[in-house]
C-alpha atoms as a PDB file:
ATOM      1  CA  MET A   1       0.000   0.000   0.000  1.00  0.00           C
ATOM      2  CA  THR A   2       1.454   3.335  -1.004  1.00  0.00           C
ATOM      3  CA  THR A   3       1.426   6.432   1.173  1.00  0.00           C
ATOM      4  CA  GLN A   4      -1.198   7.967  -1.129  1.00  0.00           C
ATOM      5  CA  GLN A   5      -3.532   4.968  -0.732  1.00  0.00           C
ATOM      6  CA  HIS A   6      -3.002   4.919   3.033  1.00  0.00           C
ATOM      7  CA  SER A   7      -3.961   8.592   3.380  1.00  0.00           C
ATOM      8  CA  GLU A   8      -7.198   7.960   1.479  1.00  0.00           C
ATOM      9  CA  ASN A   9      -8.327   5.441   4.113  1.00  0.00           C
ATOM     10  CA  LEU A  10      -8.917   6.407   7.733  1.00  0.00           C
ATOM     11  CA  ARG A  11      -8.914   4.088  10.738  1.00  0.00           C
ATOM     12  CA  LEU A  12     -11.862   4.459  13.122  1.00  0.00           C
ATOM     13  CA  LYS A  13     -10.170   6.972  15.423  1.00  0.00           C
ATOM     14  CA  GLU A  14      -8.963   9.051  12.460  1.00  0.00           C
ATOM     15  CA  ALA A  15     -12.387   8.908  10.790  1.00  0.00           C
ATOM     16  CA  ALA A  16     -14.113  10.074  13.970  1.00  0.00           C
ATOM     17  CA  ALA A  17     -11.675  12.973  14.313  1.00  0.00           C
ATOM     18  CA  PHE A  18     -12.064  13.843  10.623  1.00  0.00           C
ATOM     19  CA  ILE A  19     -15.841  14.338  10.938  1.00  0.00           C
ATOM     20  CA  GLY A  20     -15.561  15.829  14.437  1.00  0.00           C
ATOM     21  CA  VAL A  21     -17.266  13.161  16.548  1.00  0.00           C
ATOM     22  CA  SER A  22     -16.282  10.550  19.117  1.00  0.00           C
ATOM     23  CA  LYS A  23     -15.757   6.891  18.217  1.00  0.00           C
ATOM     24  CA  PRO A  24     -19.065   5.829  19.856  1.00  0.00           C
ATOM     25  CA  THR A  25     -20.885   8.486  17.811  1.00  0.00           C
ATOM     26  CA  LEU A  26     -19.163   7.213  14.674  1.00  0.00           C
ATOM     27  CA  TRP A  27     -20.415   3.683  15.445  1.00  0.00           C
ATOM     28  CA  ARG A  28     -23.908   5.039  16.125  1.00  0.00           C
ATOM     29  CA  LEU A  29     -23.969   6.976  12.856  1.00  0.00           C
ATOM     30  CA  GLU A  30     -22.894   3.899  10.943  1.00  0.00           C
ATOM     31  CA  SER A  31     -25.623   1.744  12.470  1.00  0.00           C
ATOM     32  CA  GLN A  32     -28.468   4.293  12.414  1.00  0.00           C
ATOM     33  CA  ASP A  33     -27.905   6.574   9.410  1.00  0.00           C
ATOM     34  CA  PRO A  34     -28.576   4.710   6.143  1.00  0.00           C
ATOM     35  CA  ASP A  35     -26.673   7.396   4.198  1.00  0.00           C
ATOM     36  CA  PHE A  36     -23.526   7.097   6.313  1.00  0.00           C
ATOM     37  CA  PRO A  37     -20.583   5.413   4.527  1.00  0.00           C
ATOM     38  CA  LYS A  38     -19.994   1.789   5.406  1.00  0.00           C
ATOM     39  CA  LYS A  39     -16.708   0.763   6.946  1.00  0.00           C
ATOM     40  CA  ILE A  40     -14.365  -1.534   5.069  1.00  0.00           C
ATOM     41  CA  ARG A  41     -13.201  -4.511   7.096  1.00  0.00           C
ATOM     42  CA  ILE A  42      -9.503  -5.140   6.440  1.00  0.00           C
ATOM     43  CA  SER A  43      -9.189  -7.959   8.982  1.00  0.00           C
ATOM     44  CA  SER A  44     -11.107  -9.206  11.993  1.00  0.00           C
ATOM     45  CA  ARG A  45      -9.680  -6.346  14.078  1.00  0.00           C
ATOM     46  CA  CYS A  46      -9.079  -3.611  11.508  1.00  0.00           C
ATOM     47  CA  CYS A  47     -11.641  -1.403   9.743  1.00  0.00           C
ATOM     48  CA  VAL A  48     -11.232   1.730   7.659  1.00  0.00           C
ATOM     49  CA  PHE A  49     -13.414   4.361   6.067  1.00  0.00           C
ATOM     50  CA  ARG A  50     -12.663   5.947   2.704  1.00  0.00           C
ATOM     51  CA  LYS A  51     -11.877   9.618   3.248  1.00  0.00           C
ATOM     52  CA  VAL A  52     -13.691  10.627   0.061  1.00  0.00           C
ATOM     53  CA  ASP A  53     -16.869   8.839   1.246  1.00  0.00           C
ATOM     54  CA  LEU A  54     -16.764  10.744   4.538  1.00  0.00           C
ATOM     55  CA  GLN A  55     -16.183  14.034   2.703  1.00  0.00           C
ATOM     56  CA  ASN A  56     -19.168  13.371   0.437  1.00  0.00           C
ATOM     57  CA  TRP A  57     -21.353  12.476   3.438  1.00  0.00           C
ATOM     58  CA  LEU A  58     -20.338  15.718   5.191  1.00  0.00           C
ATOM     59  CA  LYS A  59     -21.151  17.730   2.063  1.00  0.00           C
ATOM     60  CA  SER A  60     -24.600  16.124   1.899  1.00  0.00           C
ATOM     61  CA  LYS A  61     -25.279  17.338   5.470  1.00  0.00           C
ATOM     62  CA  GLU A  62     -24.522  20.975   4.698  1.00  0.00           C
ATOM     63  CA  VAL A  63     -27.474  23.328   4.882  1.00  0.00           C
END
Protein backbone atom coordinates (compact mmCIF):
# COMPACT_ATOMS: atom_id res chain seq x y z
CA MET A 1 0.00 0.00 0.00
CA THR A 2 1.45 3.33 -1.00
CA THR A 3 1.43 6.43 1.17
CA GLN A 4 -1.20 7.97 -1.13
CA GLN A 5 -3.53 4.97 -0.73
CA HIS A 6 -3.00 4.92 3.03
CA SER A 7 -3.96 8.59 3.38
CA GLU A 8 -7.20 7.96 1.48
CA ASN A 9 -8.33 5.44 4.11
CA LEU A 10 -8.92 6.41 7.73
CA ARG A 11 -8.91 4.09 10.74
CA LEU A 12 -11.86 4.46 13.12
CA LYS A 13 -10.17 6.97 15.42
CA GLU A 14 -8.96 9.05 12.46
CA ALA A 15 -12.39 8.91 10.79
CA ALA A 16 -14.11 10.07 13.97
CA ALA A 17 -11.67 12.97 14.31
CA PHE A 18 -12.06 13.84 10.62
CA ILE A 19 -15.84 14.34 10.94
CA GLY A 20 -15.56 15.83 14.44
CA VAL A 21 -17.27 13.16 16.55
CA SER A 22 -16.28 10.55 19.12
CA LYS A 23 -15.76 6.89 18.22
CA PRO A 24 -19.07 5.83 19.86
CA THR A 25 -20.89 8.49 17.81
CA LEU A 26 -19.16 7.21 14.67
CA TRP A 27 -20.41 3.68 15.45
CA ARG A 28 -23.91 5.04 16.12
CA LEU A 29 -23.97 6.98 12.86
CA GLU A 30 -22.89 3.90 10.94
CA SER A 31 -25.62 1.74 12.47
CA GLN A 32 -28.47 4.29 12.41
CA ASP A 33 -27.90 6.57 9.41
CA PRO A 34 -28.58 4.71 6.14
CA ASP A 35 -26.67 7.40 4.20
CA PHE A 36 -23.53 7.10 6.31
CA PRO A 37 -20.58 5.41 4.53
CA LYS A 38 -19.99 1.79 5.41
CA LYS A 39 -16.71 0.76 6.95
CA ILE A 40 -14.36 -1.53 5.07
CA ARG A 41 -13.20 -4.51 7.10
CA ILE A 42 -9.50 -5.14 6.44
CA SER A 43 -9.19 -7.96 8.98
CA SER A 44 -11.11 -9.21 11.99
CA ARG A 45 -9.68 -6.35 14.08
CA CYS A 46 -9.08 -3.61 11.51
CA CYS A 47 -11.64 -1.40 9.74
CA VAL A 48 -11.23 1.73 7.66
CA PHE A 49 -13.41 4.36 6.07
CA ARG A 50 -12.66 5.95 2.70
CA LYS A 51 -11.88 9.62 3.25
CA VAL A 52 -13.69 10.63 0.06
CA ASP A 53 -16.87 8.84 1.25
CA LEU A 54 -16.76 10.74 4.54
CA GLN A 55 -16.18 14.03 2.70
CA ASN A 56 -19.17 13.37 0.44
CA TRP A 57 -21.35 12.48 3.44
CA LEU A 58 -20.34 15.72 5.19
CA LYS A 59 -21.15 17.73 2.06
CA SER A 60 -24.60 16.12 1.90
CA LYS A 61 -25.28 17.34 5.47
CA GLU A 62 -24.52 20.98 4.70
CA VAL A 63 -27.47 23.33 4.88
